[in-house]
Amino acid sequence: MDNNDKPTLGKKIRSAEKELTKGLIKWRFKRAGRVLPDEETLDHGSEKVVEEAHRVIKKRGKNIFDEFKQAKKEFLKAYRDEDDE
């Protein structure tokens, strides 16, 4: 097996962040009594939330958990706005 085939620590952390984000989004939707989006939408959305959180953290240098929460709120707000159209 090549070293290139092995997931790096960074990739494992990013994957864990994405799965955590997806779990939080599912939890919030269930808690709000909303219908869950399909798995592909959840994957794409959670990836975008993680990317945005990383971008914001690099730019602002604030606490990672506070920025992660804000990115999640923005994603949920954007999803709700799409439903209103």
PDB file of N, CA and C in Angstrom:
ATOM      1  N   MET A   1       0.844  -1.177   0.000  1.00  0.00           N
ATOM      2  CA  MET A   1       0.000   0.000   0.000  1.00  0.00           C
ATOM      3  C   MET A   1       0.888   1.238   0.000  1.00  0.00           C
ATOM      4  N   ASP A   2       0.605   2.161  -0.874  1.00  0.00           N
ATOM      5  CA  ASP A   2       1.321   3.419  -0.984  1.00  0.00           C
ATOM      6  C   ASP A   2       0.957   4.346   0.163  1.00  0.00           C
ATOM      7  N   ASN A   3       1.885   5.208   0.547  1.00  0.00           N
ATOM      8  CA  ASN A   3       1.571   6.234   1.535  1.00  0.00           C
ATOM      9  C   ASN A   3       0.519   7.197   1.003  1.00  0.00           C
ATOM     10  N   ASN A   4       0.443   7.355  -0.321  1.00  0.00           N
ATOM     11  CA  ASN A   4      -0.544   8.237  -0.929  1.00  0.00           C
ATOM     12  C   ASN A   4      -1.959   7.698  -0.765  1.00  0.00           C
ATOM     13  N   ASP A   5      -2.094   6.381  -0.572  1.00  0.00           N
ATOM     14  CA  ASP A   5      -3.409   5.776  -0.398  1.00  0.00           C
ATOM     15  C   ASP A   5      -3.938   5.933   1.030  1.00  0.00           C
ATOM     16  N   LYS A   6      -3.046   6.172   1.978  1.00  0.00           N
ATOM     17  CA  LYS A   6      -3.446   6.296   3.373  1.00  0.00           C
ATOM     18  C   LYS A   6      -3.996   7.695   3.622  1.00  0.00           C
ATOM     19  N   PRO A   7      -5.139   7.755   4.319  1.00  0.00           N
ATOM     20  CA  PRO A   7      -5.661   9.080   4.653  1.00  0.00           C
ATOM     21  C   PRO A   7      -4.729   9.787   5.641  1.00  0.00           C
ATOM     22  N   THR A   8      -4.450  11.040   5.397  1.00  0.00           N
ATOM     23  CA  THR A   8      -3.605  11.797   6.300  1.00  0.00           C
ATOM     24  C   THR A   8      -4.419  12.218   7.518  1.00  0.00           C
ATOM     25  N   LEU A   9      -3.719  12.663   8.536  1.00  0.00           N
ATOM     26  CA  LEU A   9      -4.387  13.122   9.742  1.00  0.00           C
ATOM     27  C   LEU A   9      -5.316  14.289   9.410  1.00  0.00           C
ATOM     28  N   GLY A  10      -4.862  15.185   8.553  1.00  0.00           N
ATOM     29  CA  GLY A  10      -5.687  16.321   8.153  1.00  0.00           C
ATOM     30  C   GLY A  10      -6.978  15.888   7.485  1.00  0.00           C
ATOM     31  N   LYS A  11      -6.878  14.868   6.614  1.00  0.00           N
ATOM     32  CA  LYS A  11      -8.071  14.365   5.929  1.00  0.00           C
ATOM     33  C   LYS A  11      -9.025  13.699   6.918  1.00  0.00           C
ATOM     34  N   LYS A  12      -8.465  12.986   7.883  1.00  0.00           N
ATOM     35  CA  LYS A  12      -9.294  12.337   8.896  1.00  0.00           C
ATOM     36  C   LYS A  12     -10.013  13.378   9.754  1.00  0.00           C
ATOM     37  N   ILE A  13      -9.301  14.442  10.114  1.00  0.00           N
ATOM     38  CA  ILE A  13      -9.909  15.501  10.918  1.00  0.00           C
ATOM     39  C   ILE A  13     -11.001  16.197  10.117  1.00  0.00           C
ATOM     40  N   ARG A  14     -10.729  16.506   8.861  1.00  0.00           N
ATOM     41  CA  ARG A  14     -11.726  17.175   8.008  1.00  0.00           C
ATOM     42  C   ARG A  14     -12.965  16.296   7.863  1.00  0.00           C
ATOM     43  N   SER A  15     -12.754  14.993   7.683  1.00  0.00           N
ATOM     44  CA  SER A  15     -13.876  14.067   7.561  1.00  0.00           C
ATOM     45  C   SER A  15     -14.696  14.037   8.856  1.00  0.00           C
ATOM     46  N   ALA A  16     -14.018  14.038   9.993  1.00  0.00           N
ATOM     47  CA  ALA A  16     -14.709  14.041  11.282  1.00  0.00           C
ATOM     48  C   ALA A  16     -15.488  15.342  11.474  1.00  0.00           C
ATOM     49  N   GLU A  17     -14.911  16.466  11.054  1.00  0.00           N
ATOM     50  CA  GLU A  17     -15.610  17.748  11.141  1.00  0.00           C
ATOM     51  C   GLU A  17     -16.877  17.724  10.288  1.00  0.00           C
ATOM     52  N   LYS A  18     -16.749  17.175   9.103  1.00  0.00           N
ATOM     53  CA  LYS A  18     -17.893  17.099   8.187  1.00  0.00           C
ATOM     54  C   LYS A  18     -18.999  16.214   8.767  1.00  0.00           C
ATOM     55  N   GLU A  19     -18.635  15.078   9.322  1.00  0.00           N
ATOM     56  CA  GLU A  19     -19.626  14.170   9.914  1.00  0.00           C
ATOM     57  C   GLU A  19     -20.279  14.800  11.146  1.00  0.00           C
ATOM     58  N   LEU A  20     -19.502  15.504  11.957  1.00  0.00           N
ATOM     59  CA  LEU A  20     -20.054  16.197  13.116  1.00  0.00           C
ATOM     60  C   LEU A  20     -21.038  17.266  12.665  1.00  0.00           C
ATOM     61  N   THR A  21     -20.659  18.014  11.649  1.00  0.00           N
ATOM     62  CA  THR A  21     -21.535  19.060  11.117  1.00  0.00           C
ATOM     63  C   THR A  21     -22.828  18.458  10.599  1.00  0.00           C
ATOM     64  N   LYS A  22     -22.711  17.368   9.856  1.00  0.00           N
ATOM     65  CA  LYS A  22     -23.901  16.704   9.318  1.00  0.00           C
ATOM     66  C   LYS A  22     -24.804  16.230  10.452  1.00  0.00           C
ATOM     67  N   GLY A  23     -24.216  15.692  11.499  1.00  0.00           N
ATOM     68  CA  GLY A  23     -24.996  15.249  12.650  1.00  0.00           C
ATOM     69  C   GLY A  23     -25.712  16.403  13.342  1.00  0.00           C
ATOM     70  N   LEU A  24     -25.023  17.533  13.475  1.00  0.00           N
ATOM     71  CA  LEU A  24     -25.646  18.707  14.083  1.00  0.00           C
ATOM     72  C   LEU A  24     -26.805  19.226  13.233  1.00  0.00           C
ATOM     73  N   ILE A  25     -26.613  19.238  11.931  1.00  0.00           N
ATOM     74  CA  ILE A  25     -27.676  19.705  11.034  1.00  0.00           C
ATOM     75  C   ILE A  25     -28.888  18.777  11.140  1.00  0.00           C
ATOM     76  N   LYS A  26     -28.655  17.464  11.135  1.00  0.00           N
ATOM     77  CA  LYS A  26     -29.756  16.503  11.261  1.00  0.00           C
ATOM     78  C   LYS A  26     -30.493  16.707  12.587  1.00  0.00           C
ATOM     79  N   TRP A  27     -29.727  16.874  13.653  1.00  0.00           N
ATOM     80  CA  TRP A  27     -30.315  17.064  14.973  1.00  0.00           C
ATOM     81  C   TRP A  27     -31.193  18.304  15.002  1.00  0.00           C
ATOM     82  N   ARG A  28     -30.674  19.414  14.430  1.00  0.00           N
ATOM     83  CA  ARG A  28     -31.439  20.663  14.425  1.00  0.00           C
ATOM     84  C   ARG A  28     -32.722  20.527  13.605  1.00  0.00           C
ATOM     85  N   PHE A  29     -32.648  19.852  12.469  1.00  0.00           N
ATOM     86  CA  PHE A  29     -33.836  19.661  11.641  1.00  0.00           C
ATOM     87  C   PHE A  29     -34.865  18.816  12.381  1.00  0.00           C
ATOM     88  N   LYS A  30     -34.425  17.733  13.011  1.00  0.00           N
ATOM     89  CA  LYS A  30     -35.349  16.878  13.755  1.00  0.00           C
ATOM     90  C   LYS A  30     -35.956  17.636  14.928  1.00  0.00           C
ATOM     91  N   ARG A  31     -35.125  18.393  15.617  1.00  0.00           N
ATOM     92  CA  ARG A  31     -35.590  19.167  16.769  1.00  0.00           C
ATOM     93  C   ARG A  31     -36.630  20.203  16.354  1.00  0.00           C
ATOM     94  N   ALA A  32     -36.458  20.781  15.166  1.00  0.00           N
ATOM     95  CA  ALA A  32     -37.390  21.789  14.671  1.00  0.00           C
ATOM     96  C   ALA A  32     -38.606  21.157  13.995  1.00  0.00           C
ATOM     97  N   GLY A  33     -38.610  19.830  13.877  1.00  0.00           N
ATOM     98  CA  GLY A  33     -39.726  19.139  13.249  1.00  0.00           C
ATOM     99  C   GLY A  33     -39.757  19.314  11.733  1.00  0.00           C
ATOM    100  N   ARG A  34     -38.617  19.577  11.149  1.00  0.00           N
ATOM    101  CA  ARG A  34     -38.530  19.791   9.701  1.00  0.00           C
ATOM    102  C   ARG A  34     -38.125  18.492   9.004  1.00  0.00           C
ATOM    103  N   VAL A  35     -38.459  18.411   7.744  1.00  0.00           N
ATOM    104  CA  VAL A  35     -38.084  17.249   6.943  1.00  0.00           C
ATOM    105  C   VAL A  35     -36.593  17.358   6.614  1.00  0.00           C
ATOM    106  N   LEU A  36     -35.880  16.256   6.817  1.00  0.00           N
ATOM    107  CA  LEU A  36     -34.442  16.249   6.530  1.00  0.00           C
ATOM    108  C   LEU A  36     -34.198  16.313   5.025  1.00  0.00           C
ATOM    109  N   PRO A  37     -33.186  17.086   4.611  1.00  0.00           N
ATOM    110  CA  PRO A  37     -32.807  17.064   3.196  1.00  0.00           C
ATOM    111  C   PRO A  37     -32.201  15.695   2.853  1.00  0.00           C
ATOM    112  N   ASP A  38     -32.092  15.412   1.566  1.00  0.00           N
ATOM    113  CA  ASP A  38     -31.504  14.135   1.169  1.00  0.00           C
ATOM    114  C   ASP A  38     -30.024  14.092   1.555  1.00  0.00           C
ATOM    115  N   GLU A  39     -29.459  12.897   1.552  1.00  0.00           N
ATOM    116  CA  GLU A  39     -28.087  12.672   2.007  1.00  0.00           C
ATOM    117  C   GLU A  39     -27.067  13.468   1.185  1.00  0.00           C
ATOM    118  N   GLU A  40     -27.279  13.565  -0.108  1.00  0.00           N
ATOM    119  CA  GLU A  40     -26.359  14.318  -0.969  1.00  0.00           C
ATOM    120  C   GLU A  40     -26.348  15.800  -0.580  1.00  0.00           C
ATOM    121  N   THR A  41     -27.513  16.346  -0.310  1.00  0.00           N
ATOM    122  CA  THR A  41     -27.618  17.742   0.106  1.00  0.00           C
ATOM    123  C   THR A  41     -26.950  17.941   1.463  1.00  0.00           C
ATOM    124  N   LEU A  42     -27.151  17.000   2.372  1.00  0.00           N
ATOM    125  CA  LEU A  42     -26.496  17.077   3.681  1.00  0.00           C
ATOM    126  C   LEU A  42     -24.979  17.026   3.543  1.00  0.00           C
ATOM    127  N   ASP A  43     -24.478  16.124   2.709  1.00  0.00           N
ATOM    128  CA  ASP A  43     -23.034  16.021   2.491  1.00  0.00           C
ATOM    129  C   ASP A  43     -22.470  17.321   1.931  1.00  0.00           C
ATOM    130  N   HIS A  44     -23.130  17.824   0.903  1.00  0.00           N
ATOM    131  CA  HIS A  44     -22.664  19.051   0.260  1.00  0.00           C
ATOM    132  C   HIS A  44     -22.738  20.230   1.235  1.00  0.00           C
ATOM    133  N   GLY A  45     -23.841  20.341   1.941  1.00  0.00           N
ATOM    134  CA  GLY A  45     -24.019  21.434   2.888  1.00  0.00           C
ATOM    135  C   GLY A  45     -23.032  21.392   4.037  1.00  0.00           C
ATOM    136  N   SER A  46     -22.807  20.207   4.581  1.00  0.00           N
ATOM    137  CA  SER A  46     -21.873  20.102   5.697  1.00  0.00           C
ATOM    138  C   SER A  46     -20.449  20.397   5.249  1.00  0.00           C
ATOM    139  N   GLU A  47     -20.106  19.991   4.038  1.00  0.00           N
ATOM    140  CA  GLU A  47     -18.783  20.302   3.497  1.00  0.00           C
ATOM    141  C   GLU A  47     -18.611  21.814   3.348  1.00  0.00           C
ATOM    142  N   LYS A  48     -19.648  22.478   2.847  1.00  0.00           N
ATOM    143  CA  LYS A  48     -19.601  23.938   2.684  1.00  0.00           C
ATOM    144  C   LYS A  48     -19.475  24.640   4.037  1.00  0.00           C
ATOM    145  N   VAL A  49     -20.204  24.147   5.045  1.00  0.00           N
ATOM    146  CA  VAL A  49     -20.131  24.746   6.380  1.00  0.00           C
ATOM    147  C   VAL A  49     -18.719  24.620   6.938  1.00  0.00           C
ATOM    148  N   VAL A  50     -18.119  23.448   6.795  1.00  0.00           N
ATOM    149  CA  VAL A  50     -16.765  23.227   7.299  1.00  0.00           C
ATOM    150  C   VAL A  50     -15.774  24.124   6.553  1.00  0.00           C
ATOM    151  N   GLU A  51     -15.893  24.209   5.227  1.00  0.00           N
ATOM    152  CA  GLU A  51     -14.995  25.070   4.445  1.00  0.00           C
ATOM    153  C   GLU A  51     -15.134  26.529   4.875  1.00  0.00           C
ATOM    154  N   GLU A  52     -16.367  26.978   5.032  1.00  0.00           N
ATOM    155  CA  GLU A  52     -16.605  28.365   5.429  1.00  0.00           C
ATOM    156  C   GLU A  52     -16.066  28.622   6.827  1.00  0.00           C
ATOM    157  N   ALA A  53     -16.261  27.684   7.731  1.00  0.00           N
ATOM    158  CA  ALA A  53     -15.750  27.840   9.095  1.00  0.00           C
ATOM    159  C   ALA A  53     -14.230  27.975   9.081  1.00  0.00           C
ATOM    160  N   HIS A  54     -13.563  27.161   8.287  1.00  0.00           N
ATOM    161  CA  HIS A  54     -12.105  27.236   8.195  1.00  0.00           C
ATOM    162  C   HIS A  54     -11.659  28.574   7.603  1.00  0.00           C
ATOM    163  N   ARG A  55     -12.377  29.031   6.577  1.00  0.00           N
ATOM    164  CA  ARG A  55     -12.028  30.294   5.939  1.00  0.00           C
ATOM    165  C   ARG A  55     -12.180  31.453   6.927  1.00  0.00           C
ATOM    166  N   VAL A  56     -13.279  31.446   7.636  1.00  0.00           N
ATOM    167  CA  VAL A  56     -13.543  32.523   8.591  1.00  0.00           C
ATOM    168  C   VAL A  56     -12.529  32.502   9.720  1.00  0.00           C
ATOM    169  N   ILE A  57     -12.215  31.326  10.206  1.00  0.00           N
ATOM    170  CA  ILE A  57     -11.265  31.193  11.312  1.00  0.00           C
ATOM    171  C   ILE A  57      -9.894  31.714  10.893  1.00  0.00           C
ATOM    172  N   LYS A  58      -9.466  31.363   9.698  1.00  0.00           N
ATOM    173  CA  LYS A  58      -8.177  31.856   9.205  1.00  0.00           C
ATOM    174  C   LYS A  58      -8.193  33.371   9.094  1.00  0.00           C
ATOM    175  N   LYS A  59      -9.300  33.914   8.615  1.00  0.00           N
ATOM    176  CA  LYS A  59      -9.407  35.357   8.403  1.00  0.00           C
ATOM    177  C   LYS A  59      -9.487  36.112   9.718  1.00  0.00           C
ATOM    178  N   ARG A  60     -10.295  35.661  10.622  1.00  0.00           N
ATOM    179  CA  ARG A  60     -10.563  36.402  11.859  1.00  0.00           C
ATOM    180  C   ARG A  60      -9.741  35.950  13.051  1.00  0.00           C
ATOM    181  N   GLY A  61      -9.317  34.681  13.037  1.00  0.00           N
ATOM    182  CA  GLY A  61      -8.518  34.175  14.144  1.00  0.00           C
ATOM    183  C   GLY A  61      -9.281  34.034  15.450  1.00  0.00           C
ATOM    184  N   LYS A  62     -10.585  33.786  15.371  1.00  0.00           N
ATOM    185  CA  LYS A  62     -11.400  33.646  16.589  1.00  0.00           C
ATOM    186  C   LYS A  62     -11.495  32.180  17.009  1.00  0.00           C
ATOM    187  N   ASN A  63     -12.141  31.984  18.103  1.00  0.00           N
ATOM    188  CA  ASN A  63     -12.347  30.648  18.654  1.00  0.00           C
ATOM    189  C   ASN A  63     -13.069  29.753  17.650  1.00  0.00           C
ATOM    190  N   ILE A  64     -12.526  28.569  17.403  1.00  0.00           N
ATOM    191  CA  ILE A  64     -13.055  27.661  16.393  1.00  0.00           C
ATOM    192  C   ILE A  64     -14.499  27.244  16.677  1.00  0.00           C
ATOM    193  N   PHE A  65     -14.849  27.017  17.894  1.00  0.00           N
ATOM    194  CA  PHE A  65     -16.205  26.554  18.193  1.00  0.00           C
ATOM    195  C   PHE A  65     -17.235  27.659  17.976  1.00  0.00           C
ATOM    196  N   ASP A  66     -16.891  28.885  18.323  1.00  0.00           N
ATOM    197  CA  ASP A  66     -17.812  29.996  18.075  1.00  0.00           C
ATOM    198  C   ASP A  66     -18.042  30.186  16.578  1.00  0.00           C
ATOM    199  N   GLU A  67     -16.991  30.100  15.779  1.00  0.00           N
ATOM    200  CA  GLU A  67     -17.115  30.262  14.336  1.00  0.00           C
ATOM    201  C   GLU A  67     -17.874  29.087  13.715  1.00  0.00           C
ATOM    202  N   PHE A  68     -17.665  27.912  14.224  1.00  0.00           N
ATOM    203  CA  PHE A  68     -18.367  26.731  13.720  1.00  0.00           C
ATOM    204  C   PHE A  68     -19.868  26.884  13.958  1.00  0.00           C
ATOM    205  N   LYS A  69     -20.238  27.344  15.133  1.00  0.00           N
ATOM    206  CA  LYS A  69     -21.653  27.562  15.444  1.00  0.00           C
ATOM    207  C   LYS A  69     -22.259  28.613  14.517  1.00  0.00           C
ATOM    208  N   GLN A  70     -21.517  29.685  14.258  1.00  0.00           N
ATOM    209  CA  GLN A  70     -22.017  30.744  13.382  1.00  0.00           C
ATOM    210  C   GLN A  70     -22.188  30.229  11.951  1.00  0.00           C
ATOM    211  N   ALA A  71     -21.243  29.463  11.457  1.00  0.00           N
ATOM    212  CA  ALA A  71     -21.347  28.912  10.108  1.00  0.00           C
ATOM    213  C   ALA A  71     -22.561  27.995   9.992  1.00  0.00           C
ATOM    214  N   LYS A  72     -22.828  27.215  11.035  1.00  0.00           N
ATOM    215  CA  LYS A  72     -23.992  26.331  11.032  1.00  0.00           C
ATOM    216  C   LYS A  72     -25.280  27.154  10.977  1.00  0.00           C
ATOM    217  N   LYS A  73     -25.332  28.220  11.762  1.00  0.00           N
ATOM    218  CA  LYS A  73     -26.512  29.083  11.759  1.00  0.00           C
ATOM    219  C   LYS A  73     -26.737  29.689  10.382  1.00  0.00           C
ATOM    220  N   GLU A  74     -25.665  30.119   9.735  1.00  0.00           N
ATOM    221  CA  GLU A  74     -25.785  30.715   8.407  1.00  0.00           C
ATOM    222  C   GLU A  74     -26.280  29.693   7.389  1.00  0.00           C
ATOM    223  N   PHE A  75     -25.809  28.460   7.493  1.00  0.00           N
ATOM    224  CA  PHE A  75     -26.257  27.413   6.586  1.00  0.00           C
ATOM    225  C   PHE A  75     -27.745  27.151   6.785  1.00  0.00           C
ATOM    226  N   LEU A  76     -28.175  27.034   8.031  1.00  0.00           N
ATOM    227  CA  LEU A  76     -29.581  26.773   8.305  1.00  0.00           C
ATOM    228  C   LEU A  76     -30.452  27.940   7.846  1.00  0.00           C
ATOM    229  N   LYS A  77     -29.994  29.154   8.049  1.00  0.00           N
ATOM    230  CA  LYS A  77     -30.743  30.327   7.604  1.00  0.00           C
ATOM    231  C   LYS A  77     -30.872  30.324   6.081  1.00  0.00           C
ATOM    232  N   ALA A  78     -29.776  30.025   5.380  1.00  0.00           N
ATOM    233  CA  ALA A  78     -29.808  29.990   3.921  1.00  0.00           C
ATOM    234  C   ALA A  78     -30.751  28.898   3.432  1.00  0.00           C
ATOM    235  N   TYR A  79     -30.776  27.747   4.094  1.00  0.00           N
ATOM    236  CA  TYR A  79     -31.644  26.651   3.685  1.00  0.00           C
ATOM    237  C   TYR A  79     -33.117  27.053   3.884  1.00  0.00           C
ATOM    238  N   ARG A  80     -33.403  27.711   4.991  1.00  0.00           N
ATOM    239  CA  ARG A  80     -34.775  28.150   5.260  1.00  0.00           C
ATOM    240  C   ARG A  80     -35.232  29.175   4.236  1.00  0.00           C
ATOM    241  N   ASP A  81     -34.344  30.077   3.846  1.00  0.00           N
ATOM    242  CA  ASP A  81     -34.696  31.105   2.861  1.00  0.00           C
ATOM    243  C   ASP A  81     -35.055  30.496   1.523  1.00  0.00           C
ATOM    244  N   GLU A  82     -34.413  29.389   1.141  1.00  0.00           N
ATOM    245  CA  GLU A  82     -34.723  28.711  -0.118  1.00  0.00           C
ATOM    246  C   GLU A  82     -36.141  28.154  -0.085  1.00  0.00           C
ATOM    247  N   ASP A  83     -36.582  27.671   1.083  1.00  0.00           N
ATOM    248  CA  ASP A  83     -37.912  27.096   1.229  1.00  0.00           C
ATOM    249  C   ASP A  83     -39.003  28.156   1.088  1.00  0.00           C
ATOM    250  N   ASP A  84     -38.688  29.391   1.443  1.00  0.00           N
ATOM    251  CA  ASP A  84     -39.677  30.465   1.435  1.00  0.00           C
ATOM    252  C   ASP A  84     -40.028  30.941   0.040  1.00  0.00           C
ATOM    253  N   GLU A  85     -39.206  30.644  -0.957  1.00  0.00           N
ATOM    254  CA  GLU A  85     -39.443  31.127  -2.316  1.00  0.00           C
ATOM    255  C   GLU A  85     -40.566  30.403  -2.989  1.00  0.00           C
TER     256      GLU A  85
END
